[in-house]
Amino acid sequence: MQHGLITPAPLHYIRNHGPVPNATWEDWTVEICGLVKRPARFSMTQLVNEFPSREFLVTLVCAGNRRKEQNLTKQTIGFNWGAVGISTSVWKGVTLVHILKRCGIYSRKKGALNVCFEGAEYLPGGGGPKYGTNINIEMAMDPARDEDVGYMPIVITSW
């Protein structure tokens, strides 16, 4: 708490679900596919040069912070690390709504219900092929929410 709102870099928590991808700025891309009119793959340089960027104050919270409570209901994989998986920092990036508009995301009526994010790393131990999450289309397309691109492939789905 003595450091203020922003978590200093040496104190920022780090949690991986698999090996950290070995990638360079020049090689890394963000792919948009699925229920869009114009599927695309953007390089980091394209994201920086072709889209407006913003700075976001972001608090990251690991879902494992609640593992103690989860284990009281059903034993989970992993250890109890308490509430230490939380950090706040300033990130710079592109808002998701700009990228989705460029790709021509389909409407809910045409089957697009969610935006799914998929990481580059493969999960160890058969926990699924890659780490991912999703948000509904309304959240993704709401410019007031300031959803930013987490530099992961994005797939528009109907589930």
Protein backbone atom coordinates (compact mmCIF):
# COMPACT_ATOMS: atom_id res chain seq x y z
CA MET A 1 0.00 0.00 0.00
CA GLN A 2 2.92 2.35 0.61
CA HIS A 3 3.55 2.38 -3.18
CA GLY A 4 0.17 3.94 -4.04
CA LEU A 5 -2.33 2.90 -6.70
CA ILE A 6 0.18 1.64 -9.29
CA THR A 7 1.90 -1.65 -8.49
CA PRO A 8 5.68 -1.29 -8.96
CA ALA A 9 7.02 -3.65 -11.65
CA PRO A 10 9.04 -5.81 -9.20
CA LEU A 11 5.86 -6.42 -7.16
CA HIS A 12 3.52 -7.11 -10.12
CA TYR A 13 2.22 -10.66 -9.90
CA ILE A 14 3.10 -13.12 -12.66
CA ARG A 15 1.00 -16.20 -13.40
CA ASN A 16 1.28 -18.48 -16.42
CA HIS A 17 -0.88 -21.44 -17.41
CA GLY A 18 1.80 -22.75 -19.73
CA PRO A 19 5.19 -21.80 -21.12
CA VAL A 20 5.65 -18.15 -22.06
CA PRO A 21 5.60 -17.87 -25.87
CA ASN A 22 8.96 -17.00 -27.40
CA ALA A 23 7.92 -14.14 -29.69
CA THR A 24 9.27 -10.85 -30.91
CA TRP A 25 7.41 -7.63 -31.68
CA GLU A 26 8.04 -8.26 -35.39
CA ASP A 27 6.58 -11.80 -35.29
CA TRP A 28 3.57 -11.25 -33.01
CA THR A 29 0.12 -10.85 -34.60
CA VAL A 30 -3.51 -10.51 -33.56
CA GLU A 31 -5.94 -12.54 -35.63
CA ILE A 32 -9.65 -11.71 -35.99
CA CYS A 33 -11.74 -14.54 -37.44
CA GLY A 34 -15.10 -16.26 -37.13
CA LEU A 35 -18.34 -14.35 -37.63
CA VAL A 36 -16.82 -11.27 -39.25
CA LYS A 37 -17.13 -9.96 -42.82
CA ARG A 38 -13.39 -9.33 -43.22
CA PRO A 39 -11.17 -11.73 -41.24
CA ALA A 40 -7.77 -10.16 -40.64
CA ARG A 41 -4.38 -10.62 -39.04
CA PHE A 42 -2.70 -7.47 -37.71
CA SER A 43 0.95 -7.06 -36.83
CA MET A 44 1.88 -5.08 -33.75
CA THR A 45 3.17 -2.31 -36.02
CA GLN A 46 -0.19 -2.18 -37.83
CA LEU A 47 -2.04 -1.94 -34.52
CA VAL A 48 0.16 0.96 -33.45
CA ASN A 49 0.00 2.79 -36.78
CA GLU A 50 -3.53 2.08 -38.04
CA PHE A 51 -5.67 2.40 -34.92
CA PRO A 52 -6.03 5.07 -32.26
CA SER A 53 -4.37 4.06 -29.01
CA ARG A 54 -5.29 4.85 -25.43
CA GLU A 55 -3.79 4.40 -22.03
CA PHE A 56 -5.79 2.36 -19.54
CA LEU A 57 -5.45 1.96 -15.81
CA VAL A 58 -5.96 -1.79 -15.46
CA THR A 59 -6.26 -3.96 -12.38
CA LEU A 60 -5.50 -7.59 -13.16
CA VAL A 61 -6.92 -10.17 -10.77
CA CYS A 62 -6.07 -13.85 -10.95
CA ALA A 63 -9.07 -16.18 -10.72
CA GLY A 64 -6.90 -18.31 -8.39
CA ASN A 65 -7.33 -15.67 -5.67
CA ARG A 66 -10.56 -17.40 -4.71
CA ARG A 67 -9.09 -20.92 -4.73
CA LYS A 68 -9.48 -21.23 -0.93
CA GLU A 69 -13.24 -20.76 -1.27
CA GLN A 70 -13.37 -23.05 -4.33
CA ASN A 71 -11.54 -25.79 -2.40
CA LEU A 72 -14.16 -25.63 0.36
CA THR A 73 -16.77 -26.63 -2.23
CA LYS A 74 -14.70 -28.96 -4.42
CA GLN A 75 -10.96 -29.63 -4.46
CA THR A 76 -9.28 -27.83 -7.36
CA ILE A 77 -5.87 -28.11 -8.98
CA GLY A 78 -3.32 -25.62 -7.72
CA PHE A 79 -2.33 -24.05 -4.46
CA ASN A 80 -3.94 -21.46 -2.20
CA TRP A 81 -2.03 -18.29 -2.79
CA GLY A 82 -4.57 -16.05 -1.11
CA ALA A 83 -5.32 -12.64 -2.55
CA VAL A 84 -1.81 -11.90 -3.77
CA GLY A 85 -2.63 -12.27 -7.48
CA ILE A 86 -3.69 -8.67 -8.03
CA SER A 87 -1.80 -5.76 -9.58
CA THR A 88 -2.64 -2.38 -11.08
CA SER A 89 -0.67 -0.79 -13.89
CA VAL A 90 -1.03 1.52 -16.88
CA TRP A 91 -1.34 -0.23 -20.24
CA LYS A 92 -1.31 1.30 -23.70
CA GLY A 93 -3.28 -0.34 -26.47
CA VAL A 94 -5.98 -0.30 -29.07
CA THR A 95 -9.64 -0.41 -28.14
CA LEU A 96 -11.34 -3.62 -29.21
CA VAL A 97 -14.34 -1.85 -30.74
CA HIS A 98 -12.13 -0.17 -33.39
CA ILE A 99 -10.64 -3.49 -34.50
CA LEU A 100 -14.01 -5.25 -34.59
CA LYS A 101 -15.57 -2.44 -36.63
CA ARG A 102 -12.69 -2.66 -39.14
CA CYS A 103 -13.35 -6.40 -39.54
CA GLY A 104 -17.12 -5.97 -39.88
CA ILE A 105 -18.40 -8.00 -36.95
CA TYR A 106 -21.76 -9.66 -37.61
CA SER A 107 -24.79 -8.77 -35.50
CA ARG A 108 -26.44 -10.90 -32.85
CA LYS A 109 -29.23 -11.57 -35.38
CA LYS A 110 -26.63 -13.12 -37.71
CA GLY A 111 -25.33 -15.38 -34.94
CA ALA A 112 -22.47 -13.39 -33.39
CA LEU A 113 -22.95 -13.68 -29.62
CA ASN A 114 -19.47 -13.61 -28.08
CA VAL A 115 -15.94 -12.43 -28.68
CA CYS A 116 -13.57 -15.22 -27.69
CA PHE A 117 -9.93 -14.52 -26.84
CA GLU A 118 -7.38 -17.29 -27.17
CA GLY A 119 -3.80 -17.15 -25.97
CA ALA A 120 -0.79 -18.31 -27.96
CA GLU A 121 0.50 -20.77 -25.38
CA TYR A 122 -0.65 -24.38 -25.15
CA LEU A 123 -1.73 -25.52 -21.70
CA PRO A 124 0.18 -28.29 -20.00
CA GLY A 125 -1.51 -31.33 -18.48
CA GLY A 126 -4.51 -31.59 -20.79
CA GLY A 127 -6.34 -28.54 -19.42
CA GLY A 128 -7.43 -27.63 -22.93
CA PRO A 129 -5.44 -26.64 -25.97
CA LYS A 130 -4.98 -22.95 -25.11
CA TYR A 131 -5.94 -20.52 -22.37
CA GLY A 132 -8.91 -18.35 -23.30
CA THR A 133 -11.88 -16.32 -22.19
CA ASN A 134 -14.78 -14.48 -23.78
CA ILE A 135 -17.11 -11.49 -23.45
CA ASN A 136 -20.50 -10.92 -25.05
CA ILE A 137 -20.86 -8.85 -28.22
CA GLU A 138 -22.62 -5.98 -26.43
CA MET A 139 -19.70 -5.51 -24.04
CA ALA A 140 -17.16 -5.75 -26.86
CA MET A 141 -18.93 -3.15 -29.00
CA ASP A 142 -19.63 -0.66 -26.19
CA PRO A 143 -17.06 2.16 -26.59
CA ALA A 144 -17.74 3.31 -23.01
CA ARG A 145 -16.30 0.04 -21.66
CA ASP A 146 -12.83 0.70 -23.09
CA GLU A 147 -12.14 -2.98 -23.74
CA ASP A 148 -8.61 -3.17 -25.04
CA VAL A 149 -6.85 -5.78 -27.11
CA GLY A 150 -4.87 -8.18 -24.98
CA TYR A 151 -2.67 -9.16 -27.93
CA MET A 152 -4.39 -12.52 -28.36
CA PRO A 153 -6.27 -13.99 -31.33
CA ILE A 154 -9.96 -13.02 -31.31
CA VAL A 155 -12.73 -15.27 -32.62
CA ILE A 156 -16.38 -14.22 -32.99
CA THR A 157 -18.66 -17.15 -32.12
CA SER A 158 -22.32 -18.06 -31.96
CA TRP A 159 -22.19 -19.82 -28.58
